[in-house]
Structures are given as C-alpha cells and as structure tokens.
Amino acid sequence: MLRIILKSKIHRVTTTEANLQYEGSVTLDKKLMDAADILPGEKVEILNLHNGTRQETYAISGHPGSGVVCLNGPAARHVCVGDILVIVSYGMLTRDKAKKVKPKIVYVDSKNRIVKK
C-alpha cells in the first residue's frame, strides 16, 4: 500500500497576479520551487487563507527572484492579488519510507522572499 504524504510546503506566499486567459497552472518564482523541491509540471494544491478555497493545478517556473505567484486559467477566479496562500505537494510512498520523510517547508516574507527553510 502507498500512502500520500506531505512532501513540500511554501507557507503564506502572497498572490502577485491572476491571469484568467492563460491555459492553466500556477507560476511560481523558481527560487521558491527549488527550495520546496517542486518540479515544473508537478501537481500542487493551492490553499487560499482569504476565502478557504483549495485548488489543484501544476507548477510552472517563473523568473528566479521575482517573487511571482500567479494563478493562471480557471484557478485565477479563486484568488485576488494580495491573497495569502499555502502551496503544498505530496508524494506517494510505502509506509516505511513515509515514516522517514521530512517535508521541505519554505517560509517567506511579504514579498515572497525566502526567510527560513
């Protein structure tokens, strides 16, 4: 049996853009993705602390150091610029491996710059 376990979390990022006309996904500053070990195309869940929505999409890389957090396509309907989000990704592991996983938690400041890992 495989278990779904938290792998990565980017905690309390601020939404910088919402682009309804883009095909879909969430654009994230590449530095944030690297710090959280989130790959381009990886499935992520977006938790919006302002309105309680949870959206599933995939990550795409934004310019490193830009602080970009842009919800694209239909997910753009569920955020406003300035909303605070938590972005999480999960892994599927056997019980033994799941017990040993230490999720990568990335903390940011109000400009989405990494302050603590």
PDB file of N, CA and C in Angstrom:
ATOM      1  N   MET A   1       0.834  -1.172   0.000  1.00  0.00           N
ATOM      2  CA  MET A   1       0.000   0.000   0.000  1.00  0.00           C
ATOM      3  C   MET A   1       0.886   1.246   0.000  1.00  0.00           C
ATOM      4  N   LEU A   2       0.489   2.226  -0.797  1.00  0.00           N
ATOM      5  CA  LEU A   2       1.184   3.508  -0.807  1.00  0.00           C
ATOM      6  C   LEU A   2       0.373   4.518  -0.013  1.00  0.00           C
ATOM      7  N   ARG A   3       1.075   5.408   0.653  1.00  0.00           N
ATOM      8  CA  ARG A   3       0.431   6.473   1.419  1.00  0.00           C
ATOM      9  C   ARG A   3       0.800   7.813   0.799  1.00  0.00           C
ATOM     10  N   ILE A   4      -0.142   8.718   0.823  1.00  0.00           N
ATOM     11  CA  ILE A   4       0.100  10.064   0.302  1.00  0.00           C
ATOM     12  C   ILE A   4       0.554  10.925   1.472  1.00  0.00           C
ATOM     13  N   ILE A   5       1.778  11.450   1.355  1.00  0.00           N
ATOM     14  CA  ILE A   5       2.438  12.167   2.445  1.00  0.00           C
ATOM     15  C   ILE A   5       2.850  13.554   1.974  1.00  0.00           C
ATOM     16  N   LEU A   6       2.750  14.552   2.862  1.00  0.00           N
ATOM     17  CA  LEU A   6       3.220  15.896   2.546  1.00  0.00           C
ATOM     18  C   LEU A   6       4.702  15.846   2.193  1.00  0.00           C
ATOM     19  N   LYS A   7       5.055  16.373   1.026  1.00  0.00           N
ATOM     20  CA  LYS A   7       6.440  16.422   0.569  1.00  0.00           C
ATOM     21  C   LYS A   7       7.015  17.826   0.711  1.00  0.00           C
ATOM     22  N   SER A   8       6.200  18.823   0.338  1.00  0.00           N
ATOM     23  CA  SER A   8       6.687  20.205   0.289  1.00  0.00           C
ATOM     24  C   SER A   8       5.573  21.170   0.655  1.00  0.00           C
ATOM     25  N   LYS A   9       5.979  22.299   1.256  1.00  0.00           N
ATOM     26  CA  LYS A   9       5.011  23.356   1.536  1.00  0.00           C
ATOM     27  C   LYS A   9       5.706  24.700   1.434  1.00  0.00           C
ATOM     28  N   ILE A  10       5.088  25.605   0.687  1.00  0.00           N
ATOM     29  CA  ILE A  10       5.516  27.008   0.673  1.00  0.00           C
ATOM     30  C   ILE A  10       4.447  27.742   1.473  1.00  0.00           C
ATOM     31  N   HIS A  11       4.839  28.275   2.602  1.00  0.00           N
ATOM     32  CA  HIS A  11       3.892  28.769   3.597  1.00  0.00           C
ATOM     33  C   HIS A  11       3.686  30.277   3.505  1.00  0.00           C
ATOM     34  N   ARG A  12       2.424  30.676   3.294  1.00  0.00           N
ATOM     35  CA  ARG A  12       1.972  32.063   3.353  1.00  0.00           C
ATOM     36  C   ARG A  12       2.605  32.962   2.285  1.00  0.00           C
ATOM     37  N   VAL A  13       2.581  32.478   1.035  1.00  0.00           N
ATOM     38  CA  VAL A  13       3.003  33.355  -0.066  1.00  0.00           C
ATOM     39  C   VAL A  13       1.870  34.316  -0.378  1.00  0.00           C
ATOM     40  N   THR A  14       2.231  35.438  -0.969  1.00  0.00           N
ATOM     41  CA  THR A  14       1.258  36.448  -1.358  1.00  0.00           C
ATOM     42  C   THR A  14       1.024  36.366  -2.860  1.00  0.00           C
ATOM     43  N   THR A  15      -0.234  36.306  -3.266  1.00  0.00           N
ATOM     44  CA  THR A  15      -0.579  36.274  -4.684  1.00  0.00           C
ATOM     45  C   THR A  15      -0.166  37.598  -5.327  1.00  0.00           C
ATOM     46  N   THR A  16       0.617  37.510  -6.396  1.00  0.00           N
ATOM     47  CA  THR A  16       1.066  38.724  -7.093  1.00  0.00           C
ATOM     48  C   THR A  16       0.285  38.984  -8.374  1.00  0.00           C
ATOM     49  N   GLU A  17      -0.317  37.930  -8.950  1.00  0.00           N
ATOM     50  CA  GLU A  17      -1.048  38.071 -10.205  1.00  0.00           C
ATOM     51  C   GLU A  17      -2.125  36.994 -10.301  1.00  0.00           C
ATOM     52  N   ALA A  18      -3.110  37.262 -11.165  1.00  0.00           N
ATOM     53  CA  ALA A  18      -4.112  36.266 -11.541  1.00  0.00           C
ATOM     54  C   ALA A  18      -4.373  36.485 -13.029  1.00  0.00           C
ATOM     55  N   ASN A  19      -4.141  35.439 -13.835  1.00  0.00           N
ATOM     56  CA  ASN A  19      -4.227  35.560 -15.296  1.00  0.00           C
ATOM     57  C   ASN A  19      -5.237  34.552 -15.825  1.00  0.00           C
ATOM     58  N   LEU A  20      -6.465  34.989 -15.952  1.00  0.00           N
ATOM     59  CA  LEU A  20      -7.548  34.110 -16.390  1.00  0.00           C
ATOM     60  C   LEU A  20      -7.321  33.577 -17.796  1.00  0.00           C
ATOM     61  N   GLN A  21      -6.658  34.318 -18.671  1.00  0.00           N
ATOM     62  CA  GLN A  21      -6.524  33.942 -20.073  1.00  0.00           C
ATOM     63  C   GLN A  21      -5.410  32.939 -20.336  1.00  0.00           C
ATOM     64  N   TYR A  22      -4.581  32.642 -19.347  1.00  0.00           N
ATOM     65  CA  TYR A  22      -3.527  31.648 -19.530  1.00  0.00           C
ATOM     66  C   TYR A  22      -4.149  30.257 -19.485  1.00  0.00           C
ATOM     67  N   GLU A  23      -3.503  29.269 -20.086  1.00  0.00           N
ATOM     68  CA  GLU A  23      -4.062  27.912 -20.188  1.00  0.00           C
ATOM     69  C   GLU A  23      -4.358  27.265 -18.848  1.00  0.00           C
ATOM     70  N   GLY A  24      -3.584  27.539 -17.853  1.00  0.00           N
ATOM     71  CA  GLY A  24      -3.775  26.920 -16.541  1.00  0.00           C
ATOM     72  C   GLY A  24      -2.464  26.806 -15.808  1.00  0.00           C
ATOM     73  N   SER A  25      -2.510  26.501 -14.557  1.00  0.00           N
ATOM     74  CA  SER A  25      -1.347  26.272 -13.702  1.00  0.00           C
ATOM     75  C   SER A  25      -1.129  27.421 -12.732  1.00  0.00           C
ATOM     76  N   VAL A  26      -0.047  27.317 -11.974  1.00  0.00           N
ATOM     77  CA  VAL A  26       0.397  28.391 -11.096  1.00  0.00           C
ATOM     78  C   VAL A  26       1.858  28.676 -11.433  1.00  0.00           C
ATOM     79  N   THR A  27       2.155  29.935 -11.698  1.00  0.00           N
ATOM     80  CA  THR A  27       3.531  30.358 -11.951  1.00  0.00           C
ATOM     81  C   THR A  27       4.149  30.734 -10.615  1.00  0.00           C
ATOM     82  N   LEU A  28       5.281  30.104 -10.295  1.00  0.00           N
ATOM     83  CA  LEU A  28       5.983  30.346  -9.035  1.00  0.00           C
ATOM     84  C   LEU A  28       7.423  30.747  -9.301  1.00  0.00           C
ATOM     85  N   ASP A  29       7.906  31.686  -8.508  1.00  0.00           N
ATOM     86  CA  ASP A  29       9.313  32.063  -8.528  1.00  0.00           C
ATOM     87  C   ASP A  29      10.145  30.782  -8.470  1.00  0.00           C
ATOM     88  N   LYS A  30      11.081  30.632  -9.404  1.00  0.00           N
ATOM     89  CA  LYS A  30      11.900  29.420  -9.474  1.00  0.00           C
ATOM     90  C   LYS A  30      12.665  29.169  -8.172  1.00  0.00           C
ATOM     91  N   LYS A  31      13.077  30.221  -7.482  1.00  0.00           N
ATOM     92  CA  LYS A  31      13.784  30.034  -6.210  1.00  0.00           C
ATOM     93  C   LYS A  31      12.884  29.359  -5.179  1.00  0.00           C
ATOM     94  N   LEU A  32      11.608  29.723  -5.172  1.00  0.00           N
ATOM     95  CA  LEU A  32      10.666  29.080  -4.240  1.00  0.00           C
ATOM     96  C   LEU A  32      10.474  27.621  -4.609  1.00  0.00           C
ATOM     97  N   MET A  33      10.334  27.354  -5.910  1.00  0.00           N
ATOM     98  CA  MET A  33      10.161  25.968  -6.358  1.00  0.00           C
ATOM     99  C   MET A  33      11.365  25.122  -5.984  1.00  0.00           C
ATOM    100  N   ASP A  34      12.558  25.643  -6.222  1.00  0.00           N
ATOM    101  CA  ASP A  34      13.776  24.891  -5.902  1.00  0.00           C
ATOM    102  C   ASP A  34      13.875  24.625  -4.395  1.00  0.00           C
ATOM    103  N   ALA A  35      13.587  25.643  -3.597  1.00  0.00           N
ATOM    104  CA  ALA A  35      13.694  25.488  -2.141  1.00  0.00           C
ATOM    105  C   ALA A  35      12.700  24.453  -1.620  1.00  0.00           C
ATOM    106  N   ALA A  36      11.527  24.369  -2.260  1.00  0.00           N
ATOM    107  CA  ALA A  36      10.499  23.424  -1.824  1.00  0.00           C
ATOM    108  C   ALA A  36      10.582  22.091  -2.558  1.00  0.00           C
ATOM    109  N   ASP A  37      11.530  21.957  -3.464  1.00  0.00           N
ATOM    110  CA  ASP A  37      11.674  20.735  -4.265  1.00  0.00           C
ATOM    111  C   ASP A  37      10.395  20.439  -5.052  1.00  0.00           C
ATOM    112  N   ILE A  38       9.864  21.488  -5.696  1.00  0.00           N
ATOM    113  CA  ILE A  38       8.709  21.341  -6.583  1.00  0.00           C
ATOM    114  C   ILE A  38       9.224  21.492  -8.014  1.00  0.00           C
ATOM    115  N   LEU A  39       8.917  20.498  -8.843  1.00  0.00           N
ATOM    116  CA  LEU A  39       9.390  20.491 -10.229  1.00  0.00           C
ATOM    117  C   LEU A  39       8.362  21.130 -11.160  1.00  0.00           C
ATOM    118  N   PRO A  40       8.815  21.695 -12.285  1.00  0.00           N
ATOM    119  CA  PRO A  40       7.862  22.179 -13.283  1.00  0.00           C
ATOM    120  C   PRO A  40       6.949  21.026 -13.721  1.00  0.00           C
ATOM    121  N   GLY A  41       5.667  21.306 -13.770  1.00  0.00           N
ATOM    122  CA  GLY A  41       4.693  20.283 -14.135  1.00  0.00           C
ATOM    123  C   GLY A  41       4.186  19.459 -12.978  1.00  0.00           C
ATOM    124  N   GLU A  42       4.781  19.611 -11.804  1.00  0.00           N
ATOM    125  CA  GLU A  42       4.355  18.828 -10.638  1.00  0.00           C
ATOM    126  C   GLU A  42       2.998  19.314 -10.129  1.00  0.00           C
ATOM    127  N   LYS A  43       2.164  18.370  -9.736  1.00  0.00           N
ATOM    128  CA  LYS A  43       0.853  18.695  -9.179  1.00  0.00           C
ATOM    129  C   LYS A  43       1.034  19.366  -7.821  1.00  0.00           C
ATOM    130  N   VAL A  44       0.330  20.459  -7.624  1.00  0.00           N
ATOM    131  CA  VAL A  44       0.338  21.171  -6.350  1.00  0.00           C
ATOM    132  C   VAL A  44      -1.095  21.494  -5.951  1.00  0.00           C
ATOM    133  N   GLU A  45      -1.272  21.727  -4.680  1.00  0.00           N
ATOM    134  CA  GLU A  45      -2.560  22.168  -4.163  1.00  0.00           C
ATOM    135  C   GLU A  45      -2.370  23.577  -3.612  1.00  0.00           C
ATOM    136  N   ILE A  46      -3.295  24.467  -3.960  1.00  0.00           N
ATOM    137  CA  ILE A  46      -3.234  25.862  -3.547  1.00  0.00           C
ATOM    138  C   ILE A  46      -4.324  26.077  -2.498  1.00  0.00           C
ATOM    139  N   LEU A  47      -3.935  26.451  -1.299  1.00  0.00           N
ATOM    140  CA  LEU A  47      -4.875  26.698  -0.207  1.00  0.00           C
ATOM    141  C   LEU A  47      -4.942  28.205   0.013  1.00  0.00           C
ATOM    142  N   ASN A  48      -6.117  28.785  -0.158  1.00  0.00           N
ATOM    143  CA  ASN A  48      -6.266  30.230  -0.041  1.00  0.00           C
ATOM    144  C   ASN A  48      -6.777  30.554   1.360  1.00  0.00           C
ATOM    145  N   LEU A  49      -5.962  31.263   2.133  1.00  0.00           N
ATOM    146  CA  LEU A  49      -6.333  31.595   3.504  1.00  0.00           C
ATOM    147  C   LEU A  49      -7.394  32.689   3.570  1.00  0.00           C
ATOM    148  N   HIS A  50      -7.601  33.431   2.488  1.00  0.00           N
ATOM    149  CA  HIS A  50      -8.591  34.509   2.494  1.00  0.00           C
ATOM    150  C   HIS A  50     -10.009  34.014   2.245  1.00  0.00           C
ATOM    151  N   ASN A  51     -10.162  33.016   1.378  1.00  0.00           N
ATOM    152  CA  ASN A  51     -11.526  32.583   1.054  1.00  0.00           C
ATOM    153  C   ASN A  51     -11.769  31.082   1.274  1.00  0.00           C
ATOM    154  N   GLY A  52     -10.747  30.357   1.709  1.00  0.00           N
ATOM    155  CA  GLY A  52     -10.915  28.951   2.054  1.00  0.00           C
ATOM    156  C   GLY A  52     -10.915  27.976   0.890  1.00  0.00           C
ATOM    157  N   THR A  53     -10.677  28.456  -0.331  1.00  0.00           N
ATOM    158  CA  THR A  53     -10.690  27.533  -1.470  1.00  0.00           C
ATOM    159  C   THR A  53      -9.423  26.691  -1.497  1.00  0.00           C
ATOM    160  N   ARG A  54      -9.555  25.522  -2.122  1.00  0.00           N
ATOM    161  CA  ARG A  54      -8.435  24.610  -2.358  1.00  0.00           C
ATOM    162  C   ARG A  54      -8.473  24.277  -3.838  1.00  0.00           C
ATOM    163  N   GLN A  55      -7.401  24.579  -4.546  1.00  0.00           N
ATOM    164  CA  GLN A  55      -7.320  24.340  -5.982  1.00  0.00           C
ATOM    165  C   GLN A  55      -6.169  23.388  -6.276  1.00  0.00           C
ATOM    166  N   GLU A  56      -6.393  22.454  -7.182  1.00  0.00           N
ATOM    167  CA  GLU A  56      -5.312  21.592  -7.660  1.00  0.00           C
ATOM    168  C   GLU A  56      -4.915  22.060  -9.046  1.00  0.00           C
ATOM    169  N   THR A  57      -3.623  22.133  -9.272  1.00  0.00           N
ATOM    170  CA  THR A  57      -3.096  22.526 -10.573  1.00  0.00           C
ATOM    171  C   THR A  57      -1.665  22.009 -10.656  1.00  0.00           C
ATOM    172  N   TYR A  58      -0.891  22.542 -11.573  1.00  0.00           N
ATOM    173  CA  TYR A  58       0.512  22.157 -11.685  1.00  0.00           C
ATOM    174  C   TYR A  58       1.363  23.413 -11.699  1.00  0.00           C
ATOM    175  N   ALA A  59       2.612  23.262 -11.296  1.00  0.00           N
ATOM    176  CA  ALA A  59       3.527  24.394 -11.163  1.00  0.00           C
ATOM    177  C   ALA A  59       4.305  24.633 -12.455  1.00  0.00           C
ATOM    178  N   ILE A  60       4.518  25.908 -12.754  1.00  0.00           N
ATOM    179  CA  ILE A  60       5.456  26.284 -13.812  1.00  0.00           C
ATOM    180  C   ILE A  60       6.419  27.316 -13.235  1.00  0.00           C
ATOM    181  N   SER A  61       7.626  27.318 -13.754  1.00  0.00           N
ATOM    182  CA  SER A  61       8.687  28.185 -13.226  1.00  0.00           C
ATOM    183  C   SER A  61       8.532  29.623 -13.698  1.00  0.00           C
ATOM    184  N   GLY A  62       8.621  30.519 -12.725  1.00  0.00           N
ATOM    185  CA  GLY A  62       8.700  31.944 -13.013  1.00  0.00           C
ATOM    186  C   GLY A  62      10.136  32.402 -12.872  1.00  0.00           C
ATOM    187  N   HIS A  63      10.386  33.642 -13.185  1.00  0.00           N
ATOM    188  CA  HIS A  63      11.734  34.207 -13.121  1.00  0.00           C
ATOM    189  C   HIS A  63      12.291  34.107 -11.696  1.00  0.00           C
ATOM    190  N   PRO A  64      13.519  33.572 -11.542  1.00  0.00           N
ATOM    191  CA  PRO A  64      14.118  33.435 -10.210  1.00  0.00           C
ATOM    192  C   PRO A  64      14.274  34.790  -9.521  1.00  0.00           C
ATOM    193  N   GLY A  65      13.842  34.877  -8.282  1.00  0.00           N
ATOM    194  CA  GLY A  65      13.977  36.102  -7.507  1.00  0.00           C
ATOM    195  C   GLY A  65      12.875  37.119  -7.752  1.00  0.00           C
ATOM    196  N   SER A  66      11.924  36.795  -8.620  1.00  0.00           N
ATOM    197  CA  SER A  66      10.857  37.742  -8.959  1.00  0.00           C
ATOM    198  C   SER A  66       9.774  37.810  -7.886  1.00  0.00           C
ATOM    199  N   GLY A  67       9.635  36.756  -7.096  1.00  0.00           N
ATOM    200  CA  GLY A  67       8.574  36.696  -6.112  1.00  0.00           C
ATOM    201  C   GLY A  67       7.212  36.382  -6.707  1.00  0.00           C
ATOM    202  N   VAL A  68       7.187  36.028  -7.991  1.00  0.00           N
ATOM    203  CA  VAL A  68       5.902  35.802  -8.660  1.00  0.00           C
ATOM    204  C   VAL A  68       5.149  34.607  -8.087  1.00  0.00           C
ATOM    205  N   VAL A  69       3.862  34.829  -7.848  1.00  0.00           N
ATOM    206  CA  VAL A  69       2.909  33.776  -7.501  1.00  0.00           C
ATOM    207  C   VAL A  69       1.646  34.149  -8.270  1.00  0.00           C
ATOM    208  N   CYS A  70       1.472  33.523  -9.430  1.00  0.00           N
ATOM    209  CA  CYS A  70       0.386  33.884 -10.341  1.00  0.00           C
ATOM    210  C   CYS A  70      -0.490  32.669 -10.612  1.00  0.00           C
ATOM    211  N   LEU A  71      -1.759  32.760 -10.246  1.00  0.00           N
ATOM    212  CA  LEU A  71      -2.717  31.713 -10.582  1.00  0.00           C
ATOM    213  C   LEU A  71      -3.210  31.974 -11.993  1.00  0.00           C
ATOM    214  N   ASN A  72      -3.162  30.937 -12.817  1.00  0.00           N
ATOM    215  CA  ASN A  72      -3.499  31.057 -14.225  1.00  0.00           C
ATOM    216  C   ASN A  72      -4.746  30.248 -14.550  1.00  0.00           C
ATOM    217  N   GLY A  73      -5.407  30.626 -15.630  1.00  0.00           N
ATOM    218  CA  GLY A  73      -6.577  29.890 -16.101  1.00  0.00           C
ATOM    219  C   GLY A  73      -7.700  29.923 -15.082  1.00  0.00           C
ATOM    220  N   PRO A  74      -8.510  28.857 -15.030  1.00  0.00           N
ATOM    221  CA  PRO A  74      -9.677  28.843 -14.147  1.00  0.00           C
ATOM    222  C   PRO A  74      -9.356  29.131 -12.676  1.00  0.00           C
ATOM    223  N   ALA A  75      -8.187  28.724 -12.207  1.00  0.00           N
ATOM    224  CA  ALA A  75      -7.824  28.963 -10.804  1.00  0.00           C
ATOM    225  C   ALA A  75      -7.734  30.451 -10.487  1.00  0.00           C
ATOM    226  N   ALA A  76      -7.530  31.282 -11.512  1.00  0.00           N
ATOM    227  CA  ALA A  76      -7.452  32.731 -11.309  1.00  0.00           C
ATOM    228  C   ALA A  76      -8.767  33.290 -10.760  1.00  0.00           C
ATOM    229  N   ARG A  77      -9.863  32.581 -10.978  1.00  0.00           N
ATOM    230  CA  ARG A  77     -11.174  33.018 -10.462  1.00  0.00           C
ATOM    231  C   ARG A  77     -11.261  32.887  -8.935  1.00  0.00           C
ATOM    232  N   HIS A  78     -10.334  32.161  -8.331  1.00  0.00           N
ATOM    233  CA  HIS A  78     -10.418  31.867  -6.901  1.00  0.00           C
ATOM    234  C   HIS A  78      -9.433  32.660  -6.055  1.00  0.00           C
ATOM    235  N   VAL A  79      -8.736  33.631  -6.669  1.00  0.00           N
ATOM    236  CA  VAL A  79      -7.781  34.452  -5.914  1.00  0.00           C
ATOM    237  C   VAL A  79      -7.918  35.915  -6.307  1.00  0.00           C
ATOM    238  N   CYS A  80      -7.452  36.748  -5.412  1.00  0.00           N
ATOM    239  CA  CYS A  80      -7.269  38.168  -5.696  1.00  0.00           C
ATOM    240  C   CYS A  80      -5.811  38.484  -5.402  1.00  0.00           C
ATOM    241  N   VAL A  81      -5.259  39.436  -6.136  1.00  0.00           N
ATOM    242  CA  VAL A  81      -3.899  39.877  -5.831  1.00  0.00           C
ATOM    243  C   VAL A  81      -3.862  40.291  -4.364  1.00  0.00           C
ATOM    244  N   GLY A  82      -2.872  39.806  -3.649  1.00  0.00           N
ATOM    245  CA  GLY A  82      -2.725  40.086  -2.227  1.00  0.00           C
ATOM    246  C   GLY A  82      -3.216  38.971  -1.323  1.00  0.00           C
ATOM    247  N   ASP A  83      -3.964  38.002  -1.867  1.00  0.00           N
ATOM    248  CA  ASP A  83      -4.403  36.867  -1.049  1.00  0.00           C
ATOM    249  C   ASP A  83      -3.188  36.081  -0.554  1.00  0.00           C
ATOM    250  N   ILE A  84      -3.298  35.561   0.648  1.00  0.00           N
ATOM    251  CA  ILE A  84      -2.239  34.740   1.236  1.00  0.00           C
ATOM    252  C   ILE A  84      -2.573  33.277   0.950  1.00  0.00           C
ATOM    253  N   LEU A  85      -1.579  32.546   0.437  1.00  0.00           N
ATOM    254  CA  LEU A  85      -1.763  31.153   0.028  1.00  0.00           C
ATOM    255  C   LEU A  85      -0.753  30.240   0.719  1.00  0.00           C
ATOM    256  N   VAL A  86      -1.119  28.985   0.799  1.00  0.00           N
ATOM    257  CA  VAL A  86      -0.192  27.921   1.165  1.00  0.00           C
ATOM    258  C   VAL A  86      -0.174  26.984  -0.034  1.00  0.00           C
ATOM    259  N   ILE A  87       1.008  26.650  -0.510  1.00  0.00           N
ATOM    260  CA  ILE A  87       1.152  25.771  -1.673  1.00  0.00           C
ATOM    261  C   ILE A  87       1.798  24.482  -1.195  1.00  0.00           C
ATOM    262  N   VAL A  88       1.128  23.358  -1.460  1.00  0.00           N
ATOM    263  CA  VAL A  88       1.625  22.075  -0.976  1.00  0.00           C
ATOM    264  C   VAL A  88       1.734  21.070  -2.110  1.00  0.00           C
ATOM    265  N   SER A  89       2.651  20.132  -1.946  1.00  0.00           N
ATOM    266  CA  SER A  89       2.754  18.988  -2.853  1.00  0.00           C
ATOM    267  C   SER A  89       2.954  17.738  -2.002  1.00  0.00           C
ATOM    268  N   TYR A  90       2.569  16.623  -2.562  1.00  0.00           N
ATOM    269  CA  TYR A  90       2.570  15.358  -1.827  1.00  0.00           C
ATOM    270  C   TYR A  90       3.367  14.317  -2.596  1.00  0.00           C
ATOM    271  N   GLY A  91       3.791  13.292  -1.906  1.00  0.00           N
ATOM    272  CA  GLY A  91       4.432  12.149  -2.520  1.00  0.00           C
ATOM    273  C   GLY A  91       3.709  10.873  -2.123  1.00  0.00           C
ATOM    274  N   MET A  92       3.807   9.855  -2.965  1.00  0.00           N
ATOM    275  CA  MET A  92       3.209   8.547  -2.662  1.00  0.00           C
ATOM    276  C   MET A  92       4.333   7.600  -2.294  1.00  0.00           C
ATOM    277  N   LEU A  93       4.303   7.123  -1.062  1.00  0.00           N
ATOM    278  CA  LEU A  93       5.402   6.315  -0.539  1.00  0.00           C
ATOM    279  C   LEU A  93       4.876   5.097   0.206  1.00  0.00           C
ATOM    280  N   THR A  94       5.732   4.107   0.308  1.00  0.00           N
ATOM    281  CA  THR A  94       5.406   2.968   1.160  1.00  0.00           C
ATOM    282  C   THR A  94       5.416   3.445   2.614  1.00  0.00           C
ATOM    283  N   ARG A  95       4.814   2.663   3.483  1.00  0.00           N
ATOM    284  CA  ARG A  95       4.732   3.022   4.897  1.00  0.00           C
ATOM    285  C   ARG A  95       6.108   3.281   5.492  1.00  0.00           C
ATOM    286  N   ASP A  96       7.068   2.403   5.215  1.00  0.00           N
ATOM    287  CA  ASP A  96       8.402   2.553   5.796  1.00  0.00           C
ATOM    288  C   ASP A  96       9.080   3.834   5.339  1.00  0.00           C
ATOM    289  N   LYS A  97       8.983   4.137   4.050  1.00  0.00           N
ATOM    290  CA  LYS A  97       9.585   5.375   3.543  1.00  0.00           C
ATOM    291  C   LYS A  97       8.821   6.595   4.030  1.00  0.00           C
ATOM    292  N   ALA A  98       7.517   6.487   4.119  1.00  0.00           N
ATOM    293  CA  ALA A  98       6.696   7.614   4.574  1.00  0.00           C
ATOM    294  C   ALA A  98       7.050   8.020   6.003  1.00  0.00           C
ATOM    295  N   LYS A  99       7.382   7.047   6.834  1.00  0.00           N
ATOM    296  CA  LYS A  99       7.737   7.340   8.222  1.00  0.00           C
ATOM    297  C   LYS A  99       9.027   8.143   8.329  1.00  0.00           C
ATOM    298  N   LYS A 100       9.863   8.109   7.295  1.00  0.00           N
ATOM    299  CA  LYS A 100      11.167   8.782   7.329  1.00  0.00           C
ATOM    300  C   LYS A 100      11.173  10.137   6.621  1.00  0.00           C
ATOM    301  N   VAL A 101      10.087  10.474   5.946  1.00  0.00           N
ATOM    302  CA  VAL A 101      10.048  11.715   5.165  1.00  0.00           C
ATOM    303  C   VAL A 101      10.003  12.931   6.074  1.00  0.00           C
ATOM    304  N   LYS A 102      10.816  13.907   5.756  1.00  0.00           N
ATOM    305  CA  LYS A 102      10.773  15.207   6.419  1.00  0.00           C
ATOM    306  C   LYS A 102      10.387  16.223   5.344  1.00  0.00           C
ATOM    307  N   PRO A 103       9.166  16.737   5.401  1.00  0.00           N
ATOM    308  CA  PRO A 103       8.731  17.680   4.362  1.00  0.00           C
ATOM    309  C   PRO A 103       9.612  18.924   4.321  1.00  0.00           C
ATOM    310  N   LYS A 104       9.784  19.455   3.122  1.00  0.00           N
ATOM    311  CA  LYS A 104      10.507  20.721   2.961  1.00  0.00           C
ATOM    312  C   LYS A 104       9.484  21.832   3.151  1.00  0.00           C
ATOM    313  N   ILE A 105       9.695  22.639   4.187  1.00  0.00           N
ATOM    314  CA  ILE A 105       8.800  23.755   4.483  1.00  0.00           C
ATOM    315  C   ILE A 105       9.563  25.043   4.193  1.00  0.00           C
ATOM    316  N   VAL A 106       9.000  25.876   3.337  1.00  0.00           N
ATOM    317  CA  VAL A 106       9.636  27.135   2.946  1.00  0.00           C
ATOM    318  C   VAL A 106       8.786  28.280   3.483  1.00  0.00           C
ATOM    319  N   TYR A 107       9.410  29.166   4.244  1.00  0.00           N
ATOM    320  CA  TYR A 107       8.742  30.340   4.790  1.00  0.00           C
ATOM    321  C   TYR A 107       9.197  31.566   4.007  1.00  0.00           C
ATOM    322  N   VAL A 108       8.275  32.501   3.823  1.00  0.00           N
ATOM    323  CA  VAL A 108       8.586  33.695   3.033  1.00  0.00           C
ATOM    324  C   VAL A 108       8.141  34.956   3.763  1.00  0.00           C
ATOM    325  N   ASP A 109       8.673  36.096   3.299  1.00  0.00           N
ATOM    326  CA  ASP A 109       8.230  37.386   3.830  1.00  0.00           C
ATOM    327  C   ASP A 109       7.094  37.918   2.946  1.00  0.00           C
ATOM    328  N   SER A 110       6.708  39.150   3.146  1.00  0.00           N
ATOM    329  CA  SER A 110       5.573  39.715   2.421  1.00  0.00           C
ATOM    330  C   SER A 110       5.838  39.933   0.935  1.00  0.00           C
ATOM    331  N   LYS A 111       7.102  39.822   0.526  1.00  0.00           N
ATOM    332  CA  LYS A 111       7.460  39.953  -0.884  1.00  0.00           C
ATOM    333  C   LYS A 111       7.821  38.588  -1.505  1.00  0.00           C
ATOM    334  N   ASN A 112       7.458  37.520  -0.811  1.00  0.00           N
ATOM    335  CA  ASN A 112       7.706  36.146  -1.260  1.00  0.00           C
ATOM    336  C   ASN A 112       9.184  35.797  -1.358  1.00  0.00           C
ATOM    337  N   ARG A 113       9.996  36.436  -0.525  1.00  0.00           N
ATOM    338  CA  ARG A 113      11.415  36.092  -0.438  1.00  0.00           C
ATOM    339  C   ARG A 113      11.590  35.094   0.703  1.00  0.00           C
ATOM    340  N   ILE A 114      12.425  34.115   0.488  1.00  0.00           N
ATOM    341  CA  ILE A 114      12.654  33.068   1.482  1.00  0.00           C
ATOM    342  C   ILE A 114      13.287  33.665   2.730  1.00  0.00           C
ATOM    343  N   VAL A 115      12.691  33.357   3.889  1.00  0.00           N
ATOM    344  CA  VAL A 115      13.258  33.846   5.147  1.00  0.00           C
ATOM    345  C   VAL A 115      13.725  32.713   6.038  1.00  0.00           C
ATOM    346  N   LYS A 116      13.212  31.502   5.814  1.00  0.00           N
ATOM    347  CA  LYS A 116      13.580  30.383   6.665  1.00  0.00           C
ATOM    348  C   LYS A 116      13.201  29.103   5.944  1.00  0.00           C
ATOM    349  N   LYS A 117      14.074  28.092   6.009  1.00  0.00           N
ATOM    350  CA  LYS A 117      13.758  26.797   5.403  1.00  0.00           C
ATOM    351  C   LYS A 117      13.685  25.749   6.476  1.00  0.00           C
TER     352      LYS A 117
END
